[in-house]
N, C-alpha and C. Protein backbone atom coordinates (compact mmCIF):
# COMPACT_ATOMS: atom_id res chain seq x y z
N UNK A 1 84.58 182.42 44.08
CA UNK A 1 84.82 181.53 43.22
C UNK A 1 85.14 182.33 41.73
N UNK A 2 86.11 181.93 41.25
CA UNK A 2 86.27 182.35 39.62
C UNK A 2 85.57 181.73 38.85
N UNK A 3 84.55 182.44 38.18
CA UNK A 3 83.74 181.45 37.31
C UNK A 3 84.22 181.21 35.97
N UNK A 4 85.47 182.06 35.67
CA UNK A 4 86.03 181.73 34.57
C UNK A 4 87.33 180.74 34.45
N UNK A 5 87.63 180.40 36.08
CA UNK A 5 88.85 179.48 36.15
C UNK A 5 88.32 177.93 35.83
N UNK A 6 89.29 177.21 36.19
CA UNK A 6 89.28 175.70 35.58
C UNK A 6 88.59 174.83 36.63
N UNK A 7 87.44 174.50 36.97
CA UNK A 7 86.79 173.86 37.78
C UNK A 7 87.23 172.68 38.23
N UNK A 8 88.26 172.02 37.44
CA UNK A 8 89.02 170.74 37.79
C UNK A 8 90.06 171.07 38.79
N UNK A 9 90.51 172.08 39.01
CA UNK A 9 91.71 172.49 39.75
C UNK A 9 91.03 173.26 41.21
N UNK A 10 89.64 173.71 41.15
CA UNK A 10 89.40 174.39 42.45
C UNK A 10 89.30 173.40 43.48
N UNK A 11 89.72 173.88 44.68
CA UNK A 11 89.44 172.98 45.77
C UNK A 11 88.90 173.81 46.82
N UNK A 12 87.63 173.15 47.49
CA UNK A 12 86.91 174.20 48.34
C UNK A 12 87.89 174.47 49.69
N UNK A 13 88.57 173.76 50.07
CA UNK A 13 89.25 173.86 51.32
C UNK A 13 90.51 173.16 51.40
N UNK A 14 91.33 173.28 52.18
CA UNK A 14 92.68 172.79 52.15
C UNK A 14 92.99 172.29 53.66
N UNK A 15 92.40 171.09 53.97
CA UNK A 15 92.48 170.96 55.46
C UNK A 15 93.88 170.57 56.13
N UNK A 16 94.82 170.31 55.13
CA UNK A 16 96.28 170.04 56.06
C UNK A 16 97.13 171.28 55.40
N UNK A 17 96.61 172.41 55.01
CA UNK A 17 97.20 173.61 54.64
C UNK A 17 97.68 174.34 56.18
N UNK A 18 99.02 174.38 56.25
CA UNK A 18 99.46 175.13 57.41
C UNK A 18 100.29 176.29 56.94
N UNK A 19 100.17 176.58 55.83
CA UNK A 19 100.75 178.09 55.10
C UNK A 19 100.87 179.11 55.83
N UNK A 20 99.70 179.42 56.77
CA UNK A 20 99.29 180.71 57.49
C UNK A 20 99.96 180.65 58.84
N UNK A 21 100.10 179.24 59.35
CA UNK A 21 100.53 179.29 60.78
C UNK A 21 101.90 179.74 61.02
N UNK A 22 101.81 180.65 61.97
CA UNK A 22 103.13 181.15 62.29
C UNK A 22 103.61 180.43 63.63
N UNK A 23 103.01 180.34 64.81
CA UNK A 23 103.81 179.72 65.70
C UNK A 23 102.94 178.30 66.46
N UNK A 24 101.71 178.21 66.01
CA UNK A 24 100.83 177.16 66.57
C UNK A 24 100.00 177.23 67.59
N UNK A 25 100.60 178.37 68.36
CA UNK A 25 99.77 178.49 69.75
C UNK A 25 98.21 178.50 69.69
N UNK A 26 97.85 179.11 68.42
CA UNK A 26 96.23 179.32 68.33
C UNK A 26 95.61 178.35 67.42
N UNK A 27 96.48 176.97 67.05
CA UNK A 27 96.07 176.08 66.16
C UNK A 27 96.23 174.51 66.81
N UNK A 28 94.95 174.28 67.40
CA UNK A 28 95.19 172.80 67.77
C UNK A 28 95.67 171.84 66.89
N UNK A 29 95.38 172.00 65.79
CA UNK A 29 95.91 170.96 64.60
C UNK A 29 97.16 170.92 64.59
N UNK A 30 98.04 172.12 65.02
CA UNK A 30 99.54 171.98 65.13
C UNK A 30 100.05 171.57 66.27
N UNK A 31 99.45 171.73 67.53
CA UNK A 31 99.88 171.32 68.58
C UNK A 31 99.66 170.07 69.42
N UNK A 32 98.44 169.62 68.77
CA UNK A 32 97.71 168.50 69.19
C UNK A 32 98.52 167.07 69.43
N UNK A 33 99.10 166.91 68.17
CA UNK A 33 99.98 165.57 68.17
C UNK A 33 101.24 165.70 69.42
N UNK A 34 101.59 166.94 69.66
CA UNK A 34 102.69 166.70 70.82
C UNK A 34 102.23 166.73 71.93
N UNK A 35 100.92 167.46 72.13
CA UNK A 35 100.17 167.43 73.51
C UNK A 35 99.87 166.15 73.86
N UNK A 36 99.50 165.26 72.94
CA UNK A 36 99.02 163.93 72.91
C UNK A 36 100.31 162.99 73.64
N UNK A 37 101.31 163.16 72.66
CA UNK A 37 102.58 162.76 73.23
C UNK A 37 102.91 162.99 74.67
N UNK A 38 102.79 164.07 75.12
CA UNK A 38 102.90 164.54 76.50
C UNK A 38 102.12 163.77 77.45
N UNK A 39 100.97 163.76 77.18
CA UNK A 39 99.86 163.14 78.02
C UNK A 39 100.06 161.95 78.18
N UNK A 40 100.50 161.12 77.02
CA UNK A 40 100.62 159.71 77.09
C UNK A 40 101.90 159.17 78.07
N UNK A 41 102.86 160.34 77.84
CA UNK A 41 104.09 159.96 78.75
C UNK A 41 103.68 160.20 80.19
N UNK A 42 102.91 161.25 80.29
CA UNK A 42 102.40 161.25 81.89
C UNK A 42 101.65 160.27 82.38
N UNK A 43 100.87 159.57 81.45
CA UNK A 43 99.82 158.64 82.12
C UNK A 43 100.73 157.27 82.10
N UNK A 44 101.87 157.23 81.78
CA UNK A 44 102.80 155.91 81.89
C UNK A 44 103.49 156.11 83.26
N UNK A 45 103.20 157.17 84.08
CA UNK A 45 103.79 157.25 85.23
C UNK A 45 103.21 156.32 86.29
N UNK A 46 104.11 155.84 87.11
CA UNK A 46 103.41 154.81 88.20
C UNK A 46 102.31 155.21 89.17
N UNK A 47 102.33 156.53 89.34
CA UNK A 47 101.53 156.94 90.41
C UNK A 47 100.19 157.45 89.57
N UNK A 48 100.22 157.14 88.57
CA UNK A 48 98.67 157.85 87.73
C UNK A 48 97.83 156.63 87.64
N UNK A 49 96.48 157.18 87.76
CA UNK A 49 95.37 156.05 87.25
C UNK A 49 94.57 156.79 86.28
N UNK A 50 93.45 156.03 85.70
CA UNK A 50 92.81 156.65 84.78
C UNK A 50 91.99 157.91 84.90
N UNK A 51 91.76 158.24 86.19
CA UNK A 51 91.09 159.56 86.52
C UNK A 51 92.16 160.54 86.26
N UNK A 52 93.15 160.42 85.96
CA UNK A 52 94.29 161.50 85.84
C UNK A 52 94.47 161.91 84.39
N UNK A 53 93.67 161.22 83.55
CA UNK A 53 93.81 161.57 82.07
C UNK A 53 93.66 162.77 81.71
N UNK A 54 92.57 163.49 82.30
CA UNK A 54 92.29 164.90 81.96
C UNK A 54 93.24 165.86 82.41
N UNK A 55 94.01 165.72 83.49
CA UNK A 55 95.15 166.39 84.21
C UNK A 55 96.14 166.57 83.02
N UNK A 56 96.39 165.08 82.74
CA UNK A 56 97.69 164.72 81.85
C UNK A 56 97.41 165.51 80.57
N UNK A 57 96.09 165.50 80.04
CA UNK A 57 95.84 166.03 78.53
C UNK A 57 95.89 167.53 78.87
N UNK A 58 95.66 168.09 80.02
CA UNK A 58 95.65 169.62 80.29
C UNK A 58 97.21 170.00 80.01
N UNK A 59 97.94 169.06 81.14
CA UNK A 59 99.53 169.44 81.04
C UNK A 59 100.18 169.36 79.69
N UNK A 60 99.69 168.21 78.97
CA UNK A 60 100.30 168.16 77.60
C UNK A 60 99.90 169.34 76.83
N UNK A 61 98.78 169.84 76.60
CA UNK A 61 98.33 170.91 75.96
C UNK A 61 99.33 172.16 76.15
N UNK A 62 99.41 172.43 77.63
CA UNK A 62 100.20 173.40 78.00
C UNK A 62 101.46 173.65 77.60
N UNK A 63 102.07 172.49 77.83
CA UNK A 63 103.73 172.10 77.40
C UNK A 63 103.77 172.37 75.95
N UNK A 64 102.89 171.74 74.98
CA UNK A 64 102.95 171.98 73.57
C UNK A 64 102.67 173.30 73.33
N UNK A 65 101.88 174.22 73.94
CA UNK A 65 101.65 175.76 73.71
C UNK A 65 102.95 176.43 73.99
N UNK A 66 103.26 175.96 74.84
CA UNK A 66 104.72 176.71 75.67
C UNK A 66 105.85 176.68 74.50
N UNK A 67 105.97 175.33 74.21
CA UNK A 67 106.97 174.94 73.11
C UNK A 67 106.81 175.66 72.02
N UNK A 68 105.69 176.03 71.38
CA UNK A 68 105.09 176.56 70.10
C UNK A 68 105.51 178.08 70.46
N UNK A 69 105.17 178.54 71.49
CA UNK A 69 105.51 180.14 71.60
C UNK A 69 106.88 180.40 71.90
N UNK A 70 107.69 179.41 72.60
CA UNK A 70 109.07 179.49 72.73
C UNK A 70 109.72 179.44 71.39
N UNK A 71 109.47 178.59 70.37
CA UNK A 71 109.89 178.52 69.20
C UNK A 71 109.72 179.96 68.33
N UNK A 72 108.45 180.56 68.44
CA UNK A 72 108.31 181.87 67.71
C UNK A 72 109.02 182.96 68.47
N UNK A 73 109.01 182.74 69.55
CA UNK A 73 109.69 184.08 70.36
C UNK A 73 111.23 183.96 70.26
N UNK A 74 111.77 182.67 69.91
CA UNK A 74 113.22 182.39 69.69
C UNK A 74 113.33 183.04 68.09
N UNK A 75 112.53 182.63 67.30
CA UNK A 75 112.81 183.09 65.90
C UNK A 75 112.48 184.62 65.47
N UNK A 76 111.50 184.87 66.18
CA UNK A 76 110.90 186.43 65.77
C UNK A 76 111.32 187.31 66.93
N UNK A 77 112.03 187.11 68.00
CA UNK A 77 112.20 187.89 68.93
C UNK A 77 111.07 188.29 70.24
N UNK A 78 111.75 188.78 71.32
CA UNK A 78 110.84 189.12 72.35
C UNK A 78 110.17 190.42 72.29
N UNK A 79 110.73 191.27 71.28
CA UNK A 79 109.98 192.74 71.10
C UNK A 79 109.54 192.86 69.84
N UNK A 80 108.73 193.78 69.82
CA UNK A 80 108.22 194.39 68.41
C UNK A 80 108.48 195.68 68.66
N UNK A 81 108.79 196.49 67.87
CA UNK A 81 109.10 198.33 67.94
C UNK A 81 109.35 198.55 69.31
N UNK A 82 110.27 197.64 69.95
CA UNK A 82 110.60 197.90 71.32
C UNK A 82 109.81 197.63 72.48
N UNK A 83 108.62 197.24 72.11
CA UNK A 83 107.75 196.84 73.32
C UNK A 83 107.49 195.14 73.50
N UNK A 84 107.36 194.74 74.52
CA UNK A 84 107.33 193.19 74.55
C UNK A 84 106.11 192.74 73.72
N UNK A 85 106.20 191.78 72.99
CA UNK A 85 105.34 191.22 72.31
C UNK A 85 104.10 190.30 73.18
N UNK A 86 102.76 190.23 72.59
CA UNK A 86 101.89 189.93 73.31
C UNK A 86 101.94 188.35 73.62
N UNK A 87 102.65 187.63 72.67
CA UNK A 87 103.08 186.34 72.85
C UNK A 87 103.64 186.15 73.90
N UNK A 88 104.68 186.83 74.70
CA UNK A 88 105.49 186.83 75.58
C UNK A 88 104.79 186.73 76.90
N UNK A 89 103.50 187.80 76.79
CA UNK A 89 102.70 187.73 78.00
C UNK A 89 102.02 186.46 77.97
N UNK A 90 101.43 185.77 77.06
CA UNK A 90 100.76 184.61 76.96
C UNK A 90 101.76 183.48 77.56
N UNK A 91 103.01 183.59 77.01
CA UNK A 91 103.86 182.52 77.43
C UNK A 91 104.16 182.54 79.03
N UNK A 92 104.22 183.70 79.70
CA UNK A 92 104.35 183.60 81.06
C UNK A 92 103.14 183.34 81.67
N UNK A 93 101.77 183.67 81.33
CA UNK A 93 100.68 182.97 81.84
C UNK A 93 100.78 181.47 81.61
N UNK A 94 101.16 180.98 80.59
CA UNK A 94 100.90 179.65 80.46
C UNK A 94 102.12 178.81 81.23
N UNK A 95 103.15 179.37 81.50
CA UNK A 95 103.96 178.79 82.44
C UNK A 95 103.51 178.71 83.86
N UNK A 96 102.83 179.70 84.12
CA UNK A 96 102.10 179.68 85.66
C UNK A 96 101.10 178.70 85.80
N UNK A 97 100.37 178.54 84.54
CA UNK A 97 99.51 177.31 84.72
C UNK A 97 99.98 176.01 84.86
N UNK A 98 100.89 176.17 83.91
CA UNK A 98 101.61 174.70 83.97
C UNK A 98 102.26 174.40 85.18
N UNK A 99 102.72 175.28 85.87
CA UNK A 99 103.24 174.86 87.25
C UNK A 99 102.53 174.59 88.29
N UNK A 100 101.21 175.05 88.18
CA UNK A 100 99.99 174.77 89.02
C UNK A 100 99.45 173.45 88.83
N UNK A 101 99.21 173.23 87.49
CA UNK A 101 98.89 171.59 87.04
C UNK A 101 100.00 170.73 87.43
N UNK A 102 101.26 170.85 86.96
CA UNK A 102 102.37 169.94 87.54
C UNK A 102 102.49 169.67 89.18
N UNK A 103 102.29 170.72 89.91
CA UNK A 103 102.06 170.39 91.34
C UNK A 103 100.93 169.30 91.72
N UNK A 104 99.74 169.63 91.17
CA UNK A 104 98.56 168.75 91.20
C UNK A 104 98.63 167.34 90.78
N UNK A 105 99.49 167.18 89.58
CA UNK A 105 99.80 165.90 89.16
C UNK A 105 100.70 165.32 89.81
N UNK A 106 101.85 165.96 90.61
CA UNK A 106 102.68 165.30 91.15
C UNK A 106 103.86 165.10 90.17
N UNK A 107 103.88 166.36 89.33
CA UNK A 107 104.88 166.32 88.15
C UNK A 107 106.08 167.47 88.48
N UNK A 108 106.27 167.50 89.76
CA UNK A 108 107.68 168.30 90.35
C UNK A 108 108.11 167.35 91.32
N UNK A 109 109.48 167.65 91.54
CA UNK A 109 110.06 166.92 92.67
C UNK A 109 109.41 167.45 93.86
N UNK A 110 109.13 168.28 94.29
CA UNK A 110 108.74 168.66 95.40
C UNK A 110 107.28 168.26 95.92
N UNK A 111 106.34 168.35 94.47
CA UNK A 111 105.02 167.65 94.68
C UNK A 111 105.08 166.06 94.85
N UNK A 112 106.30 165.45 94.40
CA UNK A 112 106.21 163.94 94.49
C UNK A 112 106.61 163.80 95.89
N UNK A 113 107.66 164.47 96.46
CA UNK A 113 108.02 164.31 97.72
C UNK A 113 107.21 164.60 98.82
N UNK A 114 106.26 165.53 98.63
CA UNK A 114 104.84 165.70 99.72
C UNK A 114 104.14 164.74 99.47
N UNK A 115 103.82 164.05 98.38
CA UNK A 115 103.08 162.99 98.19
C UNK A 115 103.46 161.70 98.91
N UNK A 116 104.80 161.54 98.63
CA UNK A 116 105.45 160.44 99.42
C UNK A 116 105.44 160.46 100.86
N UNK A 117 105.73 161.60 101.40
CA UNK A 117 105.65 162.34 102.79
C UNK A 117 104.36 161.89 103.32
N UNK A 118 103.21 162.10 102.64
CA UNK A 118 101.99 161.91 103.26
C UNK A 118 101.58 160.42 103.11
N UNK A 119 102.06 159.66 102.02
CA UNK A 119 101.74 158.37 102.04
C UNK A 119 102.47 157.59 103.33
N UNK A 120 103.89 158.20 103.55
CA UNK A 120 104.56 157.59 104.69
C UNK A 120 103.80 157.70 106.02
N UNK A 121 103.40 159.18 106.26
CA UNK A 121 102.66 159.32 107.51
C UNK A 121 101.31 158.57 107.66
N UNK A 122 100.72 158.28 106.57
CA UNK A 122 99.46 157.46 106.54
C UNK A 122 99.90 156.14 106.99
N UNK A 123 101.06 155.66 106.15
CA UNK A 123 101.35 154.42 106.74
C UNK A 123 101.97 154.10 108.15
N UNK A 124 102.40 155.17 108.69
CA UNK A 124 102.89 155.26 110.00
C UNK A 124 101.82 155.28 111.05
N UNK A 125 100.56 155.88 110.63
CA UNK A 125 99.15 156.10 111.62
C UNK A 125 98.49 154.89 111.48
N UNK A 126 98.68 154.07 110.20
CA UNK A 126 98.02 152.69 110.05
C UNK A 126 98.62 151.70 111.09
N UNK A 127 99.91 151.99 110.86
CA UNK A 127 100.58 150.72 111.86
C UNK A 127 100.41 151.08 113.31
N UNK A 128 100.30 152.34 113.64
CA UNK A 128 100.04 152.70 115.06
C UNK A 128 98.73 152.34 115.30
N UNK A 129 97.79 152.31 114.56
CA UNK A 129 96.41 151.91 114.76
C UNK A 129 96.22 150.53 114.90
N UNK A 130 96.93 149.67 113.74
CA UNK A 130 96.83 148.30 113.92
C UNK A 130 97.63 147.79 115.20
N UNK A 131 98.89 148.33 115.54
CA UNK A 131 99.38 147.95 116.94
C UNK A 131 98.56 148.21 117.97
N UNK A 132 97.77 149.50 118.17
CA UNK A 132 96.71 149.60 119.27
C UNK A 132 95.68 148.55 119.35
N UNK A 133 95.07 148.22 117.96
CA UNK A 133 94.04 147.44 118.03
C UNK A 133 94.43 145.98 118.52
N UNK A 134 95.58 145.47 118.16
CA UNK A 134 96.12 144.29 118.42
C UNK A 134 96.41 144.12 119.70
N UNK A 135 97.06 145.29 120.41
CA UNK A 135 97.29 145.22 121.83
C UNK A 135 95.85 145.17 122.63
N UNK A 136 94.85 145.84 122.42
CA UNK A 136 93.78 145.88 123.12
C UNK A 136 93.09 144.59 123.02
N UNK A 137 93.39 143.70 121.89
CA UNK A 137 92.77 142.41 121.71
C UNK A 137 93.47 141.45 122.72
N UNK A 138 94.79 141.67 122.81
CA UNK A 138 95.36 140.88 123.95
C UNK A 138 95.20 141.18 125.15
N UNK A 139 94.72 142.58 125.55
CA UNK A 139 94.36 142.89 127.11
C UNK A 139 92.87 142.18 127.22
N UNK A 140 91.99 142.29 126.39
CA UNK A 140 90.71 141.75 126.36
C UNK A 140 90.83 140.28 126.69
N UNK A 141 91.78 139.59 125.90
CA UNK A 141 91.96 138.26 126.14
C UNK A 141 92.52 137.81 127.26
N UNK A 142 93.45 138.45 127.77
CA UNK A 142 94.28 138.42 129.00
C UNK A 142 92.97 138.53 130.27
N UNK A 143 92.29 139.71 130.12
CA UNK A 143 91.47 139.89 131.09
C UNK A 143 90.25 138.81 131.08
N UNK A 144 89.73 138.21 129.98
CA UNK A 144 88.75 136.99 130.16
C UNK A 144 89.43 135.91 130.58
N UNK A 145 90.77 135.55 130.33
CA UNK A 145 91.24 134.59 130.76
C UNK A 145 91.55 134.44 132.46
N UNK A 146 91.85 135.73 133.01
CA UNK A 146 91.72 135.66 134.46
C UNK A 146 90.28 135.77 134.87
N UNK A 147 89.38 136.09 134.33
CA UNK A 147 87.93 136.07 134.79
C UNK A 147 87.49 137.46 135.23
N UNK A 148 88.32 138.33 134.99
CA UNK A 148 87.87 139.92 135.23
C UNK A 148 87.01 140.42 134.01
N UNK A 149 86.61 139.80 132.98
CA UNK A 149 85.79 140.28 132.04
C UNK A 149 84.97 139.09 131.53
N UNK A 150 83.84 139.56 131.68
CA UNK A 150 82.64 138.52 131.40
C UNK A 150 82.19 138.72 129.67
N UNK A 151 82.19 137.94 128.78
CA UNK A 151 81.81 137.77 127.45
C UNK A 151 80.30 138.27 127.53
N UNK A 152 79.52 138.93 126.51
CA UNK A 152 78.32 139.22 126.38
C UNK A 152 77.32 137.69 126.44
N UNK A 153 77.88 136.88 126.24
CA UNK A 153 77.15 135.43 126.05
C UNK A 153 77.05 134.88 127.30
N UNK A 154 78.20 135.11 128.24
CA UNK A 154 78.12 134.54 129.54
C UNK A 154 77.09 135.43 130.57
N UNK A 155 76.94 136.72 129.95
CA UNK A 155 76.16 137.67 130.71
C UNK A 155 74.53 137.38 130.51
N UNK A 156 74.35 136.82 129.11
CA UNK A 156 73.10 136.59 128.74
C UNK A 156 72.50 137.59 128.04
N UNK A 157 73.36 138.53 127.59
CA UNK A 157 73.07 139.64 126.73
C UNK A 157 72.78 139.07 125.16
N UNK A 158 71.64 139.66 124.48
CA UNK A 158 71.55 139.34 123.25
C UNK A 158 72.01 140.31 122.16
């Protein structure tokens, strides 16, 4: 602190100051609003439930980070002194993580197709089981009507 300065103008911190921010990849304050926007959009999808919130937030954060990295790479270039920038390597890693999360979340066409396929197979199995149970009940009823099958009550079983 400058002891000879003007105390009225001294401020101990500047919480909204973003002067030193370059790309925002390492500043949650910069990318959090965009991450929230993406997560909210994902949670509005028809196939989501409240349990998906954490995954949506992770995807939102990854997308916001990738966007921030892409802006910086576009503005400042992919290389520094002829070598790839470290931000480029981070961007590549973030992209791989995003791909894995999107597959888990049902956020890619292929993962949604696999999800629909598994649901349709489950429905087909469920229908087949219901049909088999119904057929079994019909056969039991027919056997009782013919007298080929005695119910537990008629046998005296308890």
